[in-house]
Amino acid sequence: MEARGRTALYVCCVLFTLTDVSSEFIHVPSSIHHGIEGKSVLLSVETRFPLDDVEIQGTWTHTRPSGIRTTLVMFTKETTVTNMVYHDHLHFREPNVSLLILKVNQDDEGEYHLDLNIAFHNGTHNGTRLVIKEKRTVHVTVDVPVSTPVIEKSPSYAVVEDKGNVTWTCSVERGTRVAFQWLRDNVTLGLSDRYLFSQDNSTLLISPVRKEDKGTYHCLASNAVSQERHSRTRELNVYYGPYNLEVNSDQGRRTGEVFTINPGELVFFDCLADSNPPNSYVWISKSRNATQVITEGPRLEVRFYRLAQAEEYLCRAFNNVTQKQNEAQFTLVVASLGTGKEKHSQDGSPVTPLAAITVCSLFVIGCMLLFLLRRTCHPKRVLMSIYNRPLSEQKRPHRSGHEDATEDFGIYEFVSIPGKMESAQASCRSLAHLESVQDMHTTIYDVIRHVPETPSHSLLE
C-alpha cells in the first residue's frame, strides 16, 4: 500500500510538471505582513508533501526597498545554515520551512523570497531524477503605531466670507505612513474647487471661505497597524450675511408683499435675516418719493393712529463686519377684514382709550351717587334718628300756643273750682278716647291740650 501511494504521488507530480499546472506543494497563508516595530513577524509556510519521501533544499533571501538583496538562510532536510549577521535576529522553523523575524525594525522592510527544490526518492524523468521547484514572495512592512493627532487652524480668529482663507493642519507625534482624513460636522470632506489637500492629506486649505464652511472640524489619523485616532474638535467661525431677509407679522392678512389689517389694530412687524454677527436693522417709511427713518431694531410697532389707508415700509439689514446689506419692502393697507374683533389695540385691550376713560368715569359717578343715597335715605338710619329723639319730642303733637307743657300743668294744678265740672267731664271724655296712650305725662298733656280754653280763662278770672 505504501509503495502504491508513493507511486501515485510521483505520477501526479510528473503530470503537473509536464502539463505546466501549479501543484501547490507549498502554501503561504499571507503574502503581506504589517509588522509593528519592536514586535516579531512570522513568515508562515505550509508544506503539502510527505517529507519522508523527498529531499528538500532551499533558501530565504531579503530584498530591501533600496534593492540590496541578502541571503538569510540556506537549508536542507538535515541541515540549516543562517547568515551570521542575522543569527540572533532570525529563527528558521523545521520542517515547514517557515521563518520567524525577531523584533522587527525599519531595516527589516522589503520582500522576502523563498526558493525551494523538492526531489522525490522514486521519481525520475527520462532517466533523470525529478526535482520540483517552488518560489514564493512575502512583502513585509514595519510601522510605528499612530499617536493621537493634533489639529491646528490658521488664522485662529474668525474670518470674513469671500475675503479670508483658512489652513488646517493635522499632525501626529508618533506614527509612520499615516493616512489623514478631514471631517466637518462628522461629514467627510472631499476634493472641491475651494478645498486643497496636501499630498499626504495632512493639510487642508480652504480658499476662499464661505458661509457653508462654518462648523466643527476634526481629523482622523491611521496606518496599517493602528485604527483611526480622532483629534479634538475645532470651530471655524465665519462672518457672513445678511441673507434671506424677511418681514413677518402675526396680525392681519398677507398677500405677497402687502399686509392688510383692521382699522384700529396695533401691528408688530419682525425683520429677520441670516447673518453672523447679528445685523443692525433700520425701519424706513416711504411716501411721495420721500423716506423717513422710523425706528431701529428687529421689530416695528405700527399704531393705529399713525396709519393712512396705504403706506409703504422698508426694512434694511446691515452687517457691520462684512459691510453687506439687504432690504425688504412691503405695503400696509387698512381695511376691514370682517373678523368681528381686533387682535391687538394700542394698549393691548379690545377697547380704545377714550371708551375706557368714559366707562371708568361713569362707574365712579355711579358709585358716588349710590353712596350718598345709601347714606341719606337708608331705612335703618331714618328709624334710628326717630328712635334717638327725646321722648317728649316723639310724643308731642301740635301745641296750642304754650311753649312748655309744665306751664299749663301749673295753671291747672289739681284745683277744683266749684261749679265748673265741664272741664272735668271733657277731661274724662278725652281720657276715654285715648285708651291706647301709655305715657301718663303725655296723657295729661293731651288732656290739658284738648280742654277748651274759654272755661279755663273763666276759672283764672
Protein backbone atom coordinates (compact mmCIF):
# COMPACT_ATOMS: atom_id res chain seq x y z
CA MET A 1 0.00 0.00 0.00
CA GLU A 2 2.75 2.43 0.90
CA ALA A 3 4.53 1.75 -2.41
CA ARG A 4 1.33 2.33 -4.33
CA GLY A 5 0.78 5.67 -2.57
CA ARG A 6 4.25 6.88 -3.39
CA THR A 7 3.85 5.80 -7.00
CA ALA A 8 0.55 7.69 -7.27
CA LEU A 9 2.14 10.81 -5.78
CA TYR A 10 5.02 10.56 -8.21
CA VAL A 11 2.67 10.18 -11.18
CA CYS A 12 0.73 13.24 -10.09
CA CYS A 13 3.91 15.26 -9.76
CA VAL A 14 5.01 14.23 -13.25
CA LEU A 15 1.64 15.15 -14.71
CA PHE A 16 1.64 18.54 -13.02
CA THR A 17 5.12 19.23 -14.22
CA LEU A 18 4.54 18.11 -17.80
CA THR A 19 1.22 19.99 -18.10
CA ASP A 20 2.68 23.11 -16.50
CA VAL A 21 -0.07 23.21 -13.84
CA SER A 22 0.64 24.57 -10.35
CA SER A 23 0.98 21.70 -7.94
CA GLU A 24 0.77 23.80 -4.73
CA PHE A 25 3.30 21.70 -2.86
CA ILE A 26 3.71 24.65 -0.50
CA HIS A 27 1.23 27.30 0.61
CA VAL A 28 1.85 30.76 2.08
CA PRO A 29 -1.24 31.92 4.04
CA SER A 30 -0.38 35.62 3.72
CA SER A 31 1.77 37.32 1.14
CA ILE A 32 1.75 40.67 3.02
CA HIS A 33 2.70 41.21 6.65
CA HIS A 34 2.35 44.52 8.50
CA GLY A 35 4.78 44.39 11.34
CA ILE A 36 4.80 46.62 14.41
CA GLU A 37 8.19 47.99 15.29
CA GLY A 38 9.67 46.01 18.16
CA LYS A 39 7.36 43.01 17.64
CA SER A 40 8.08 39.67 15.91
CA VAL A 41 6.79 38.68 12.47
CA LEU A 42 6.28 35.08 11.36
CA LEU A 43 6.52 34.27 7.65
CA SER A 44 4.42 31.14 7.76
CA VAL A 45 4.72 28.34 5.14
CA GLU A 46 2.65 25.18 4.85
CA THR A 47 4.14 22.08 3.11
CA ARG A 48 1.79 19.76 1.26
CA PHE A 49 4.01 16.77 0.63
CA PRO A 50 5.40 13.96 2.85
CA LEU A 51 8.88 14.96 3.97
CA ASP A 52 9.95 11.36 4.43
CA ASP A 53 9.66 10.67 0.68
CA VAL A 54 11.53 13.73 -0.59
CA GLU A 55 14.71 15.65 -0.31
CA ILE A 56 14.45 19.44 0.02
CA GLN A 57 16.87 22.28 -0.49
CA GLY A 58 16.06 25.93 -0.23
CA THR A 59 16.94 29.50 0.71
CA TRP A 60 15.34 32.58 2.29
CA THR A 61 16.56 35.91 0.90
CA HIS A 62 15.68 39.52 1.71
CA THR A 63 15.48 42.39 -0.79
CA ARG A 64 15.34 45.82 0.80
CA PRO A 65 13.43 48.77 -0.72
CA SER A 66 16.78 50.10 -1.90
CA GLY A 67 17.28 46.96 -3.99
CA ILE A 68 20.01 45.29 -1.92
CA ARG A 69 19.47 41.53 -1.72
CA THR A 70 20.79 39.44 1.18
CA THR A 71 20.72 35.65 1.77
CA LEU A 72 19.37 34.93 5.21
CA VAL A 73 19.07 31.13 5.49
CA MET A 74 20.13 28.11 3.44
CA PHE A 75 18.63 24.76 4.42
CA THR A 76 18.13 21.10 3.58
CA LYS A 77 16.10 18.48 5.33
CA GLU A 78 19.01 17.69 7.60
CA THR A 79 20.91 20.99 7.97
CA THR A 80 20.30 24.76 8.32
CA VAL A 81 22.84 27.50 7.74
CA THR A 82 21.87 31.00 8.96
CA ASN A 83 23.67 34.16 7.96
CA MET A 84 25.86 35.05 10.90
CA VAL A 85 24.85 38.69 10.70
CA TYR A 86 21.22 37.70 11.40
CA HIS A 87 21.90 34.77 13.71
CA ASP A 88 20.18 36.41 16.71
CA HIS A 89 17.53 38.08 14.57
CA LEU A 90 16.11 35.09 12.65
CA HIS A 91 14.76 31.71 13.56
CA PHE A 92 14.20 29.03 10.91
CA ARG A 93 11.42 26.59 11.73
CA GLU A 94 11.61 23.00 10.53
CA PRO A 95 10.13 21.04 8.94
CA ASN A 96 7.63 23.53 7.40
CA VAL A 97 10.40 25.96 6.30
CA SER A 98 8.75 28.98 7.99
CA LEU A 99 10.85 31.98 9.00
CA LEU A 100 10.46 33.99 12.23
CA ILE A 101 11.89 37.55 12.34
CA LEU A 102 12.51 38.74 15.90
CA LYS A 103 11.85 42.37 16.96
CA VAL A 104 11.46 43.87 13.51
CA ASN A 105 12.64 47.37 12.71
CA GLN A 106 12.64 49.65 9.69
CA ASP A 107 15.60 47.75 8.16
CA ASP A 108 13.50 44.58 8.01
CA GLU A 109 11.09 46.05 5.49
CA GLY A 110 11.10 44.70 1.97
CA GLU A 111 10.44 41.45 0.13
CA TYR A 112 11.33 38.00 1.42
CA HIS A 113 11.86 35.27 -1.21
CA LEU A 114 11.57 31.54 -0.60
CA ASP A 115 13.23 29.29 -3.21
CA LEU A 116 12.54 25.57 -2.58
CA ASN A 117 13.65 22.47 -4.53
CA ILE A 118 11.79 19.23 -3.89
CA ALA A 119 13.26 15.90 -5.11
CA PHE A 120 11.23 12.68 -4.81
CA HIS A 121 13.12 9.50 -3.92
CA ASN A 122 11.48 7.26 -6.54
CA GLY A 123 10.87 9.85 -9.19
CA THR A 124 12.78 10.03 -12.47
CA HIS A 125 12.06 11.57 -15.81
CA ASN A 126 13.93 10.36 -18.87
CA GLY A 127 16.42 8.74 -16.55
CA THR A 128 16.89 11.98 -14.60
CA ARG A 129 15.80 12.48 -11.03
CA LEU A 130 12.63 14.62 -10.87
CA VAL A 131 13.03 17.91 -8.98
CA ILE A 132 10.10 20.27 -8.32
CA LYS A 133 10.95 23.99 -7.89
CA GLU A 134 8.70 26.25 -5.76
CA LYS A 135 9.07 30.03 -5.31
CA ARG A 136 7.14 32.37 -3.05
CA THR A 137 7.48 36.07 -2.19
CA VAL A 138 6.24 37.74 1.02
CA HIS A 139 6.08 41.53 1.42
CA VAL A 140 6.83 42.91 4.89
CA THR A 141 6.24 46.45 6.18
CA VAL A 142 7.22 47.78 9.56
CA ASP A 143 5.24 50.66 11.06
CA VAL A 144 5.04 52.63 14.27
CA PRO A 145 1.53 52.91 15.82
CA VAL A 146 -0.13 56.29 15.42
CA SER A 147 -0.48 58.65 18.36
CA THR A 148 -3.48 60.94 18.89
CA PRO A 149 -3.49 63.60 16.15
CA VAL A 150 -3.38 67.32 16.89
CA ILE A 151 -5.36 69.79 14.80
CA GLU A 152 -4.37 73.44 14.23
CA LYS A 153 -6.08 76.33 12.44
CA SER A 154 -4.55 79.40 10.86
CA PRO A 155 -5.63 82.09 11.42
CA SER A 156 -7.00 81.32 14.87
CA TYR A 157 -9.67 84.06 14.72
CA ALA A 158 -12.91 84.26 12.71
CA VAL A 159 -12.69 85.15 9.02
CA VAL A 160 -14.94 87.07 6.65
CA GLU A 161 -16.52 85.14 3.82
CA ASP A 162 -15.15 85.65 0.33
CA LYS A 163 -12.23 87.63 1.80
CA GLY A 164 -10.31 85.23 4.04
CA ASN A 165 -8.57 81.83 3.76
CA VAL A 166 -8.16 79.14 6.38
CA THR A 167 -5.42 76.49 6.64
CA TRP A 168 -6.00 73.35 8.71
CA THR A 169 -3.07 71.15 9.80
CA CYS A 170 -3.24 67.66 11.31
CA SER A 171 -0.07 66.15 12.83
CA VAL A 172 0.97 63.18 14.99
CA GLU A 173 3.85 62.82 17.40
CA ARG A 174 4.41 59.14 16.52
CA GLY A 175 3.47 57.03 13.55
CA THR A 176 4.71 56.01 10.12
CA ARG A 177 2.89 56.03 6.82
CA VAL A 178 0.00 57.89 8.44
CA ALA A 179 -3.22 58.40 6.49
CA PHE A 180 -5.19 61.54 7.34
CA GLN A 181 -8.86 62.29 6.84
CA TRP A 182 -10.81 65.54 7.37
CA LEU A 183 -14.37 65.91 8.65
CA ARG A 184 -16.72 68.84 9.19
CA ASP A 185 -19.69 68.22 11.47
CA ASN A 186 -18.82 64.48 11.23
CA VAL A 187 -19.08 64.50 7.43
CA THR A 188 -16.01 63.53 5.40
CA LEU A 189 -14.61 66.32 3.23
CA GLY A 190 -13.62 65.56 -0.35
CA LEU A 191 -11.99 67.42 -3.19
CA SER A 192 -13.64 70.63 -4.42
CA ASP A 193 -12.68 73.80 -6.23
CA ARG A 194 -12.09 75.54 -2.87
CA TYR A 195 -10.57 72.63 -0.89
CA LEU A 196 -6.89 71.91 -1.50
CA PHE A 197 -5.21 68.93 0.22
CA SER A 198 -1.51 68.23 0.64
CA GLN A 199 -0.02 65.04 -0.77
CA ASP A 200 -0.33 63.12 2.49
CA ASN A 201 -3.66 64.82 3.28
CA SER A 202 -2.28 66.31 6.49
CA THR A 203 -3.05 69.89 5.39
CA LEU A 204 -6.33 71.37 4.17
CA LEU A 205 -6.56 74.83 2.61
CA ILE A 206 -9.98 76.47 2.21
CA SER A 207 -9.82 79.37 -0.22
CA PRO A 208 -11.91 81.45 -0.14
CA VAL A 209 -14.01 80.77 2.93
CA ARG A 210 -17.80 80.74 2.52
CA LYS A 211 -20.76 80.62 4.86
CA GLU A 212 -21.19 76.86 4.39
CA ASP A 213 -17.65 76.28 5.68
CA LYS A 214 -18.55 77.24 9.25
CA GLY A 215 -18.84 74.35 11.66
CA THR A 216 -16.88 71.86 13.78
CA TYR A 217 -13.74 70.34 12.26
CA HIS A 218 -11.57 67.39 13.30
CA CYS A 219 -9.15 64.98 11.64
CA LEU A 220 -8.50 61.23 11.69
CA ALA A 221 -5.08 59.56 11.63
CA SER A 222 -4.40 55.87 10.99
CA ASN A 223 -1.90 53.44 9.44
CA ALA A 224 -1.57 49.74 8.71
CA VAL A 225 -1.02 48.83 12.37
CA SER A 226 -3.33 51.40 14.02
CA GLN A 227 -7.04 52.03 13.94
CA GLU A 228 -8.38 55.52 13.32
CA ARG A 229 -7.45 58.02 16.00
CA HIS A 230 -9.58 61.16 16.39
CA SER A 231 -8.29 64.62 17.13
CA ARG A 232 -10.07 67.18 19.25
CA THR A 233 -12.67 69.33 17.52
CA ARG A 234 -12.12 72.95 16.50
CA GLU A 235 -14.70 75.53 15.50
CA LEU A 236 -14.49 77.62 12.36
CA ASN A 237 -16.37 80.90 12.76
CA VAL A 238 -17.25 82.69 9.53
CA TYR A 239 -18.69 86.19 9.30
CA TYR A 240 -21.36 86.32 6.58
CA GLY A 241 -24.65 87.81 5.51
CA PRO A 242 -27.18 89.21 5.63
CA TYR A 243 -29.05 86.55 3.61
CA ASN A 244 -32.73 85.60 3.20
CA LEU A 245 -34.17 88.82 4.63
CA GLU A 246 -37.87 88.51 5.50
CA VAL A 247 -40.56 90.67 7.11
CA ASN A 248 -43.28 88.79 9.02
CA SER A 249 -46.27 89.67 11.16
CA ASP A 250 -48.81 87.65 13.15
CA GLN A 251 -51.55 90.25 12.66
CA GLY A 252 -53.74 90.89 9.65
CA ARG A 253 -53.59 89.12 6.33
CA ARG A 254 -50.64 88.87 3.99
CA THR A 255 -50.75 88.66 0.22
CA GLY A 256 -47.30 88.72 -1.30
CA GLU A 257 -45.68 91.92 -0.09
CA VAL A 258 -48.97 93.51 1.05
CA PHE A 259 -50.24 93.32 4.65
CA THR A 260 -53.90 94.15 5.30
CA ILE A 261 -55.07 94.96 8.84
CA ASN A 262 -58.29 96.03 10.54
CA PRO A 263 -58.85 99.69 11.44
CA GLY A 264 -57.65 100.47 14.95
CA GLU A 265 -55.41 97.41 15.12
CA LEU A 266 -51.94 97.53 16.65
CA VAL A 267 -49.48 95.69 14.38
CA PHE A 268 -45.98 94.31 15.02
CA PHE A 269 -43.55 93.51 12.20
CA ASP A 270 -40.41 91.41 12.64
CA CYS A 271 -37.44 91.71 10.30
CA LEU A 272 -35.19 88.64 10.23
CA ALA A 273 -32.11 87.73 8.19
CA ASP A 274 -29.42 85.06 8.34
CA SER A 275 -26.22 86.80 9.39
CA ASN A 276 -23.13 86.46 11.56
CA PRO A 277 -22.68 88.60 13.59
CA PRO A 278 -26.33 89.71 14.02
CA ASN A 279 -27.44 92.55 11.78
CA SER A 280 -28.41 96.06 12.71
CA TYR A 281 -31.92 96.91 11.46
CA VAL A 282 -33.47 100.20 10.33
CA TRP A 283 -37.18 100.73 9.51
CA ILE A 284 -37.98 103.33 6.89
CA SER A 285 -41.32 104.85 5.85
CA LYS A 286 -41.70 105.74 2.17
CA SER A 287 -44.23 108.28 0.95
CA ARG A 288 -44.28 110.63 -2.04
CA ASN A 289 -40.71 109.84 -3.05
CA ALA A 290 -39.53 110.77 0.46
CA THR A 291 -38.09 108.44 3.05
CA GLN A 292 -38.04 108.78 6.80
CA VAL A 293 -36.31 106.59 9.39
CA ILE A 294 -38.94 105.44 11.88
CA THR A 295 -37.02 103.29 14.32
CA GLU A 296 -34.13 100.88 14.73
CA GLY A 297 -34.14 97.26 15.80
CA PRO A 298 -35.62 93.99 14.52
CA ARG A 299 -39.25 94.88 15.48
CA LEU A 300 -41.51 97.63 14.21
CA GLU A 301 -44.66 98.69 16.07
CA VAL A 302 -47.27 100.49 13.97
CA ARG A 303 -50.03 102.17 16.00
CA PHE A 304 -53.45 102.67 14.54
CA TYR A 305 -53.46 106.48 14.75
CA ARG A 306 -50.39 106.60 12.51
CA LEU A 307 -51.97 104.64 9.72
CA ALA A 308 -53.25 106.01 6.48
CA GLN A 309 -55.20 103.94 4.01
CA ALA A 310 -52.00 102.55 2.50
CA GLU A 311 -48.38 103.15 3.38
CA GLU A 312 -45.08 101.66 2.24
CA TYR A 313 -42.39 100.48 4.63
CA LEU A 314 -38.87 99.18 4.18
CA CYS A 315 -36.63 97.11 6.45
CA ARG A 316 -32.89 97.43 5.89
CA ALA A 317 -30.43 94.94 7.45
CA PHE A 318 -26.74 95.79 7.64
CA ASN A 319 -23.78 93.65 8.76
CA ASN A 320 -21.11 95.86 10.26
CA VAL A 321 -18.35 93.27 9.74
CA THR A 322 -19.00 92.08 6.19
CA GLN A 323 -20.18 95.56 5.16
CA LYS A 324 -23.08 93.99 3.29
CA GLN A 325 -26.75 94.97 3.46
CA ASN A 326 -30.11 93.71 2.30
CA GLU A 327 -33.58 95.28 2.07
CA ALA A 328 -37.19 94.08 2.15
CA GLN A 329 -40.12 96.35 1.17
CA PHE A 330 -43.82 95.88 1.92
CA THR A 331 -47.10 97.81 1.80
CA LEU A 332 -49.50 98.20 4.74
CA VAL A 333 -53.21 98.63 3.91
CA VAL A 334 -56.01 99.46 6.39
CA ALA A 335 -59.28 97.72 5.52
CA SER A 336 -61.98 95.83 7.37
CA LEU A 337 -61.29 92.11 7.26
CA GLY A 338 -64.67 91.21 8.77
CA THR A 339 -63.20 89.32 11.68
CA GLY A 340 -65.51 90.98 14.20
CA LYS A 341 -62.69 91.60 16.63
CA GLU A 342 -59.27 93.14 16.78
CA LYS A 343 -56.28 91.09 17.74
CA HIS A 344 -54.44 93.95 19.40
CA SER A 345 -55.17 97.51 20.33
CA GLN A 346 -52.97 100.39 21.29
CA ASP A 347 -52.79 99.25 24.92
CA GLY A 348 -53.28 95.59 24.29
CA SER A 349 -57.08 95.67 25.16
CA PRO A 350 -60.14 95.34 22.86
CA VAL A 351 -61.35 98.96 23.54
CA THR A 352 -59.94 102.37 22.69
CA PRO A 353 -58.52 104.66 25.41
CA LEU A 354 -61.42 107.15 25.08
CA ALA A 355 -64.00 104.42 25.62
CA ALA A 356 -62.07 103.11 28.61
CA ILE A 357 -61.92 106.59 30.20
CA THR A 358 -65.66 107.13 29.64
CA VAL A 359 -66.60 103.83 31.23
CA CYS A 360 -64.37 104.46 34.24
CA SER A 361 -65.83 107.97 34.76
CA LEU A 362 -69.42 106.71 34.64
CA PHE A 363 -68.57 103.97 37.08
CA VAL A 364 -67.06 106.42 39.60
CA ILE A 365 -70.04 108.81 39.35
CA GLY A 366 -72.49 105.96 39.86
CA CYS A 367 -70.62 104.76 42.91
CA MET A 368 -70.67 108.26 44.45
CA LEU A 369 -74.44 108.66 43.86
CA LEU A 370 -75.14 105.27 45.33
CA PHE A 371 -73.03 106.10 48.40
CA LEU A 372 -74.86 109.38 49.01
CA LEU A 373 -78.30 107.82 48.51
CA ARG A 374 -77.49 105.00 50.86
CA ARG A 375 -76.21 107.40 53.48
CA THR A 376 -79.22 109.77 53.40
CA CYS A 377 -82.19 107.50 52.66
CA HIS A 378 -81.33 104.25 54.31
CA PRO A 379 -84.44 102.98 56.27
CA LYS A 380 -82.36 101.95 59.24
CA ARG A 381 -80.85 105.40 59.57
CA VAL A 382 -84.32 107.01 59.41
CA LEU A 383 -85.66 104.74 62.15
CA MET A 384 -82.60 105.29 64.31
CA SER A 385 -82.92 109.08 64.00
CA ILE A 386 -86.53 108.91 65.15
CA TYR A 387 -85.75 106.50 67.96
CA ASN A 388 -82.88 108.60 69.29
CA ARG A 389 -85.04 111.77 69.56
CA PRO A 390 -86.16 112.82 73.12
CA LEU A 391 -89.32 111.16 74.29
CA SER A 392 -91.11 114.44 74.68
CA GLU A 393 -90.40 115.25 71.01
CA GLN A 394 -91.52 111.80 69.86
CA LYS A 395 -94.94 112.01 71.59
CA ARG A 396 -95.59 115.73 71.44
CA PRO A 397 -98.33 116.74 68.99
CA HIS A 398 -99.06 120.27 67.85
CA ARG A 399 -99.09 122.77 70.72
CA SER A 400 -101.82 125.19 71.43
CA GLY A 401 -99.67 128.25 71.84
CA HIS A 402 -97.77 127.37 75.02
CA GLU A 403 -94.09 126.83 74.76
CA ASP A 404 -93.86 124.35 77.67
CA ALA A 405 -96.34 121.78 78.98
CA THR A 406 -95.15 122.36 82.56
CA GLU A 407 -96.57 125.86 82.44
CA ASP A 408 -100.02 124.51 81.52
CA PHE A 409 -99.73 121.91 84.21
CA GLY A 410 -99.00 124.54 86.81
CA ILE A 411 -102.05 126.54 85.70
CA TYR A 412 -104.40 123.61 86.28
CA GLU A 413 -102.71 122.03 89.27
CA PHE A 414 -105.47 119.93 90.74
CA VAL A 415 -107.55 122.87 91.60
CA SER A 416 -111.15 122.10 91.83
CA ILE A 417 -113.34 125.12 91.34
CA PRO A 418 -116.86 124.51 92.37
CA GLY A 419 -119.48 124.81 89.74
CA LYS A 420 -117.09 124.16 86.90
CA MET A 421 -117.46 120.47 86.08
CA GLU A 422 -117.35 120.79 82.30
CA SER A 423 -113.64 120.71 82.26
CA ALA A 424 -113.53 117.51 84.32
CA GLN A 425 -116.10 115.88 82.10
CA ALA A 426 -114.21 116.96 79.00
CA SER A 427 -111.12 115.53 80.55
CA CYS A 428 -112.78 112.20 81.20
CA ARG A 429 -114.07 112.01 77.67
CA SER A 430 -110.60 112.75 76.38
CA LEU A 431 -109.16 110.04 78.60
CA ALA A 432 -111.63 107.52 77.32
CA HIS A 433 -110.80 108.49 73.79
CA LEU A 434 -107.08 107.95 74.37
CA GLU A 435 -107.08 104.44 75.88
CA SER A 436 -104.05 103.37 73.87
CA VAL A 437 -101.81 106.06 75.27
CA GLN A 438 -99.31 104.57 77.76
CA ASP A 439 -97.36 107.55 78.92
CA MET A 440 -99.02 109.37 81.81
CA HIS A 441 -97.38 112.72 81.19
CA THR A 442 -98.39 112.65 77.58
CA THR A 443 -101.91 111.76 78.55
CA ILE A 444 -102.16 114.72 80.99
CA TYR A 445 -100.62 116.94 78.39
CA ASP A 446 -103.07 115.86 75.73
CA VAL A 447 -105.99 116.13 78.05
CA ILE A 448 -104.99 119.65 79.04
CA ARG A 449 -104.47 120.47 75.31
CA HIS A 450 -107.99 119.41 74.45
CA VAL A 451 -109.70 121.29 77.27
CA PRO A 452 -111.44 124.30 75.83
CA GLU A 453 -109.60 127.47 76.59
CA THR A 454 -112.70 129.57 77.44
CA PRO A 455 -113.66 127.77 80.66
CA SER A 456 -110.09 127.83 81.82
CA HIS A 457 -109.85 131.54 81.40
CA SER A 458 -113.02 131.97 83.37
CA LEU A 459 -111.57 129.90 86.15
CA LEU A 460 -108.45 132.02 86.32
CA GLU A 461 -110.52 135.11 86.48
